[in-house]
């Protein structure tokens, strides 16, 4: 039986040991919207992942700490207020500055600017800053996002921390 959230979706994975991994979903620090996070959570869970939803207005340091604690397989940052590009650059800088998160895939999407569709240069700036994928509200589809998530390696990532024993 399909959950019916997306056309052609398969059964929702229910057993924790068959999950593909963990995805952290959040907004940028200035974005108070939640409906986008609920939609993304349901979609990503339907794709077989456990989702940690950090909610709206997540400060960069809270995002980094949550990711350090959980070692997610993917981080998805969503914006509805049009400040995704500006706030996203700051968030990705904080994530990439953390050694354990340097190779964690991070995607950003939604309304990334107040003027609507982002230019190729603006999207390129986000990719150059460290995002693995950019899903502009006006130029990409849900299919592209699900294809990106589906291409992630199956199975949870190992923690990237190095423990020193004295």
C-alpha atoms as a PDB file:
ATOM      1  CA  UNK A   1       0.000   0.000   0.000  1.00  0.00           C
ATOM      2  CA  UNK A   2       1.362   3.411  -0.936  1.00  0.00           C
ATOM      3  CA  UNK A   3       1.190   6.384   1.386  1.00  0.00           C
ATOM      4  CA  UNK A   4      -0.081   8.332  -1.609  1.00  0.00           C
ATOM      5  CA  UNK A   5       2.064  11.414  -1.070  1.00  0.00           C
ATOM      6  CA  UNK A   6       3.803  11.288  -4.421  1.00  0.00           C
ATOM      7  CA  UNK A   7       2.791   9.654  -7.695  1.00  0.00           C
ATOM      8  CA  UNK A   8       4.376   6.239  -8.158  1.00  0.00           C
ATOM      9  CA  UNK A   9       5.675   6.074  -4.605  1.00  0.00           C
ATOM     10  CA  UNK A  10       6.310   2.691  -3.090  1.00  0.00           C
ATOM     11  CA  UNK A  11       5.395   1.504   0.376  1.00  0.00           C
ATOM     12  CA  UNK A  12       6.651   3.572   3.263  1.00  0.00           C
ATOM     13  CA  UNK A  13       9.504   1.857   5.086  1.00  0.00           C
ATOM     14  CA  UNK A  14       8.480   1.223   8.674  1.00  0.00           C
ATOM     15  CA  UNK A  15      11.176  -0.903  10.288  1.00  0.00           C
ATOM     16  CA  UNK A  16      14.043   1.167  11.676  1.00  0.00           C
ATOM     17  CA  UNK A  17      16.644  -1.387  10.567  1.00  0.00           C
ATOM     18  CA  UNK A  18      15.546  -1.074   6.934  1.00  0.00           C
ATOM     19  CA  UNK A  19      15.847   2.708   6.853  1.00  0.00           C
ATOM     20  CA  UNK A  20      18.322   4.106   4.367  1.00  0.00           C
ATOM     21  CA  UNK A  21      19.785   6.542   6.887  1.00  0.00           C
ATOM     22  CA  UNK A  22      19.064   9.870   8.538  1.00  0.00           C
ATOM     23  CA  UNK A  23      18.262  13.267   7.028  1.00  0.00           C
ATOM     24  CA  UNK A  24      18.238  16.547   8.938  1.00  0.00           C
ATOM     25  CA  UNK A  25      15.622  19.005   7.646  1.00  0.00           C
ATOM     26  CA  UNK A  26      15.638  22.675   8.644  1.00  0.00           C
ATOM     27  CA  UNK A  27      14.999  26.225   7.557  1.00  0.00           C
ATOM     28  CA  UNK A  28      17.472  29.073   7.608  1.00  0.00           C
ATOM     29  CA  UNK A  29      17.702  31.144  10.779  1.00  0.00           C
ATOM     30  CA  UNK A  30      15.415  33.910   9.500  1.00  0.00           C
ATOM     31  CA  UNK A  31      12.635  31.656   8.151  1.00  0.00           C
ATOM     32  CA  UNK A  32       9.652  30.927  10.398  1.00  0.00           C
ATOM     33  CA  UNK A  33       7.731  28.733   7.951  1.00  0.00           C
ATOM     34  CA  UNK A  34       6.920  25.153   8.923  1.00  0.00           C
ATOM     35  CA  UNK A  35       4.645  23.754   6.189  1.00  0.00           C
ATOM     36  CA  UNK A  36       7.642  23.238   3.894  1.00  0.00           C
ATOM     37  CA  UNK A  37       9.435  21.268   6.599  1.00  0.00           C
ATOM     38  CA  UNK A  38       6.424  19.028   7.197  1.00  0.00           C
ATOM     39  CA  UNK A  39       6.118  18.357   3.460  1.00  0.00           C
ATOM     40  CA  UNK A  40       9.835  17.565   3.150  1.00  0.00           C
ATOM     41  CA  UNK A  41       9.746  15.325   6.208  1.00  0.00           C
ATOM     42  CA  UNK A  42       6.851  13.287   4.816  1.00  0.00           C
ATOM     43  CA  UNK A  43       8.468  13.042   1.380  1.00  0.00           C
ATOM     44  CA  UNK A  44      11.886  12.019   2.706  1.00  0.00           C
ATOM     45  CA  UNK A  45      10.358   9.485   5.104  1.00  0.00           C
ATOM     46  CA  UNK A  46       8.469   8.045   2.137  1.00  0.00           C
ATOM     47  CA  UNK A  47      11.851   7.634   0.419  1.00  0.00           C
ATOM     48  CA  UNK A  48      12.986   5.452   3.324  1.00  0.00           C
ATOM     49  CA  UNK A  49      14.900   7.815   5.583  1.00  0.00           C
ATOM     50  CA  UNK A  50      14.522   8.738   9.221  1.00  0.00           C
ATOM     51  CA  UNK A  51      14.049  12.516   9.437  1.00  0.00           C
ATOM     52  CA  UNK A  52      15.179  14.849  12.175  1.00  0.00           C
ATOM     53  CA  UNK A  53      13.165  18.035  11.701  1.00  0.00           C
ATOM     54  CA  UNK A  54      14.866  20.946  13.465  1.00  0.00           C
ATOM     55  CA  UNK A  55      11.934  23.255  12.804  1.00  0.00           C
ATOM     56  CA  UNK A  56      11.853  26.903  11.784  1.00  0.00           C
ATOM     57  CA  UNK A  57      14.321  29.696  12.559  1.00  0.00           C
ATOM     58  CA  UNK A  58      17.163  27.291  13.299  1.00  0.00           C
ATOM     59  CA  UNK A  59      20.334  29.176  14.256  1.00  0.00           C
ATOM     60  CA  UNK A  60      23.465  28.021  12.448  1.00  0.00           C
ATOM     61  CA  UNK A  61      25.142  26.801  15.643  1.00  0.00           C
ATOM     62  CA  UNK A  62      22.088  24.654  16.499  1.00  0.00           C
ATOM     63  CA  UNK A  63      22.161  23.118  13.009  1.00  0.00           C
ATOM     64  CA  UNK A  64      25.872  22.335  13.302  1.00  0.00           C
ATOM     65  CA  UNK A  65      25.532  20.825  16.779  1.00  0.00           C
ATOM     66  CA  UNK A  66      22.550  18.675  15.763  1.00  0.00           C
ATOM     67  CA  UNK A  67      24.483  17.400  12.760  1.00  0.00           C
ATOM     68  CA  UNK A  68      27.583  16.693  14.848  1.00  0.00           C
ATOM     69  CA  UNK A  69      25.469  14.643  17.253  1.00  0.00           C
ATOM     70  CA  UNK A  70      23.588  12.655  14.603  1.00  0.00           C
ATOM     71  CA  UNK A  71      26.014  12.370  11.637  1.00  0.00           C
ATOM     72  CA  UNK A  72      23.190  12.610   9.085  1.00  0.00           C
ATOM     73  CA  UNK A  73      23.421  11.154   5.602  1.00  0.00           C
ATOM     74  CA  UNK A  74      22.001  14.394   4.208  1.00  0.00           C
ATOM     75  CA  UNK A  75      21.101  17.886   5.379  1.00  0.00           C
ATOM     76  CA  UNK A  76      18.222  19.646   3.610  1.00  0.00           C
ATOM     77  CA  UNK A  77      17.788  23.381   4.134  1.00  0.00           C
ATOM     78  CA  UNK A  78      14.486  24.831   2.938  1.00  0.00           C
ATOM     79  CA  UNK A  79      13.516  28.473   2.593  1.00  0.00           C
ATOM     80  CA  UNK A  80      10.158  30.083   1.923  1.00  0.00           C
ATOM     81  CA  UNK A  81      10.876  33.677   2.982  1.00  0.00           C
ATOM     82  CA  UNK A  82      13.306  34.506   0.169  1.00  0.00           C
ATOM     83  CA  UNK A  83      16.441  34.700   2.301  1.00  0.00           C
ATOM     84  CA  UNK A  84      17.723  31.219   1.506  1.00  0.00           C
ATOM     85  CA  UNK A  85      20.661  32.412  -0.574  1.00  0.00           C
ATOM     86  CA  UNK A  86      21.870  34.945   1.972  1.00  0.00           C
ATOM     87  CA  UNK A  87      21.331  32.807   5.070  1.00  0.00           C
ATOM     88  CA  UNK A  88      22.304  29.606   3.262  1.00  0.00           C
ATOM     89  CA  UNK A  89      25.803  30.905   2.561  1.00  0.00           C
ATOM     90  CA  UNK A  90      26.319  31.474   6.269  1.00  0.00           C
ATOM     91  CA  UNK A  91      24.870  28.061   7.200  1.00  0.00           C
ATOM     92  CA  UNK A  92      27.011  26.120   4.724  1.00  0.00           C
ATOM     93  CA  UNK A  93      30.121  27.965   5.893  1.00  0.00           C
ATOM     94  CA  UNK A  94      29.376  26.852   9.463  1.00  0.00           C
ATOM     95  CA  UNK A  95      28.696  23.252   8.397  1.00  0.00           C
ATOM     96  CA  UNK A  96      31.793  22.972   6.206  1.00  0.00           C
ATOM     97  CA  UNK A  97      33.991  24.505   8.931  1.00  0.00           C
ATOM     98  CA  UNK A  98      33.235  21.468  11.097  1.00  0.00           C
ATOM     99  CA  UNK A  99      35.607  18.611  10.188  1.00  0.00           C
ATOM    100  CA  UNK A 100      33.059  15.881  10.897  1.00  0.00           C
ATOM    101  CA  UNK A 101      30.557  17.477   8.517  1.00  0.00           C
ATOM    102  CA  UNK A 102      32.908  18.470   5.705  1.00  0.00           C
ATOM    103  CA  UNK A 103      31.767  15.599   3.474  1.00  0.00           C
ATOM    104  CA  UNK A 104      28.103  15.444   4.527  1.00  0.00           C
ATOM    105  CA  UNK A 105      25.862  16.095   1.515  1.00  0.00           C
ATOM    106  CA  UNK A 106      23.913  19.341   1.958  1.00  0.00           C
ATOM    107  CA  UNK A 107      21.111  20.584  -0.287  1.00  0.00           C
ATOM    108  CA  UNK A 108      19.273  23.891  -0.223  1.00  0.00           C
ATOM    109  CA  UNK A 109      16.039  24.753  -1.923  1.00  0.00           C
ATOM    110  CA  UNK A 110      12.888  26.783  -2.035  1.00  0.00           C
ATOM    111  CA  UNK A 111      12.570  30.517  -2.431  1.00  0.00           C
ATOM    112  CA  UNK A 112      16.227  31.445  -2.317  1.00  0.00           C
ATOM    113  CA  UNK A 113      15.829  35.134  -3.149  1.00  0.00           C
ATOM    114  CA  UNK A 114      13.148  37.769  -2.827  1.00  0.00           C
ATOM    115  CA  UNK A 115      13.220  38.466  -6.584  1.00  0.00           C
ATOM    116  CA  UNK A 116      12.172  34.944  -7.564  1.00  0.00           C
ATOM    117  CA  UNK A 117      14.243  32.615  -9.718  1.00  0.00           C
ATOM    118  CA  UNK A 118      17.958  32.735  -8.992  1.00  0.00           C
ATOM    119  CA  UNK A 119      20.512  33.477 -11.691  1.00  0.00           C
ATOM    120  CA  UNK A 120      23.041  30.856 -12.721  1.00  0.00           C
ATOM    121  CA  UNK A 121      25.668  32.973 -10.939  1.00  0.00           C
ATOM    122  CA  UNK A 122      23.700  32.936  -7.673  1.00  0.00           C
ATOM    123  CA  UNK A 123      23.200  29.169  -7.886  1.00  0.00           C
ATOM    124  CA  UNK A 124      26.882  28.778  -8.742  1.00  0.00           C
ATOM    125  CA  UNK A 125      27.818  30.800  -5.655  1.00  0.00           C
ATOM    126  CA  UNK A 126      25.842  28.412  -3.443  1.00  0.00           C
ATOM    127  CA  UNK A 127      27.476  25.385  -5.062  1.00  0.00           C
ATOM    128  CA  UNK A 128      30.941  26.956  -4.779  1.00  0.00           C
ATOM    129  CA  UNK A 129      30.306  27.699  -1.106  1.00  0.00           C
ATOM    130  CA  UNK A 130      29.813  23.983  -0.443  1.00  0.00           C
ATOM    131  CA  UNK A 131      26.235  22.965  -1.230  1.00  0.00           C
ATOM    132  CA  UNK A 132      25.990  19.674  -3.103  1.00  0.00           C
ATOM    133  CA  UNK A 133      22.664  20.576  -4.704  1.00  0.00           C
ATOM    134  CA  UNK A 134      20.539  23.698  -5.160  1.00  0.00           C
ATOM    135  CA  UNK A 135      16.821  23.442  -5.882  1.00  0.00           C
ATOM    136  CA  UNK A 136      15.568  26.892  -6.813  1.00  0.00           C
ATOM    137  CA  UNK A 137      11.832  27.326  -6.289  1.00  0.00           C
ATOM    138  CA  UNK A 138      11.252  28.582  -9.817  1.00  0.00           C
ATOM    139  CA  UNK A 139      13.528  26.273 -11.777  1.00  0.00           C
ATOM    140  CA  UNK A 140      13.467  22.743 -10.383  1.00  0.00           C
ATOM    141  CA  UNK A 141      10.950  20.030  -9.787  1.00  0.00           C
ATOM    142  CA  UNK A 142      10.114  17.579  -7.066  1.00  0.00           C
ATOM    143  CA  UNK A 143      11.344  14.825  -9.383  1.00  0.00           C
ATOM    144  CA  UNK A 144      14.849  16.324  -9.430  1.00  0.00           C
ATOM    145  CA  UNK A 145      14.941  16.467  -5.631  1.00  0.00           C
ATOM    146  CA  UNK A 146      13.734  12.877  -5.198  1.00  0.00           C
ATOM    147  CA  UNK A 147      16.285  11.749  -7.796  1.00  0.00           C
ATOM    148  CA  UNK A 148      19.037  13.509  -5.814  1.00  0.00           C
ATOM    149  CA  UNK A 149      17.946  11.905  -2.531  1.00  0.00           C
ATOM    150  CA  UNK A 150      17.554   8.513  -4.219  1.00  0.00           C
ATOM    151  CA  UNK A 151      21.127   8.676  -5.521  1.00  0.00           C
ATOM    152  CA  UNK A 152      22.594   8.871  -2.015  1.00  0.00           C
ATOM    153  CA  UNK A 153      24.462   5.753  -0.881  1.00  0.00           C
ATOM    154  CA  UNK A 154      22.201   3.336   0.997  1.00  0.00           C
ATOM    155  CA  UNK A 155      22.761   2.849   4.709  1.00  0.00           C
ATOM    156  CA  UNK A 156      23.670   5.175   7.533  1.00  0.00           C
ATOM    157  CA  UNK A 157      26.965   7.066   7.533  1.00  0.00           C
ATOM    158  CA  UNK A 158      29.511   6.352  10.208  1.00  0.00           C
ATOM    159  CA  UNK A 159      30.319   9.141  12.619  1.00  0.00           C
ATOM    160  CA  UNK A 160      33.196  11.184  11.283  1.00  0.00           C
ATOM    161  CA  UNK A 161      34.603  12.016  14.692  1.00  0.00           C
ATOM    162  CA  UNK A 162      38.051  10.959  15.726  1.00  0.00           C
ATOM    163  CA  UNK A 163      38.414  10.061  19.366  1.00  0.00           C
ATOM    164  CA  UNK A 164      41.800  10.363  20.986  1.00  0.00           C
ATOM    165  CA  UNK A 165      42.493   7.997  23.858  1.00  0.00           C
ATOM    166  CA  UNK A 166      45.273   9.070  26.205  1.00  0.00           C
END
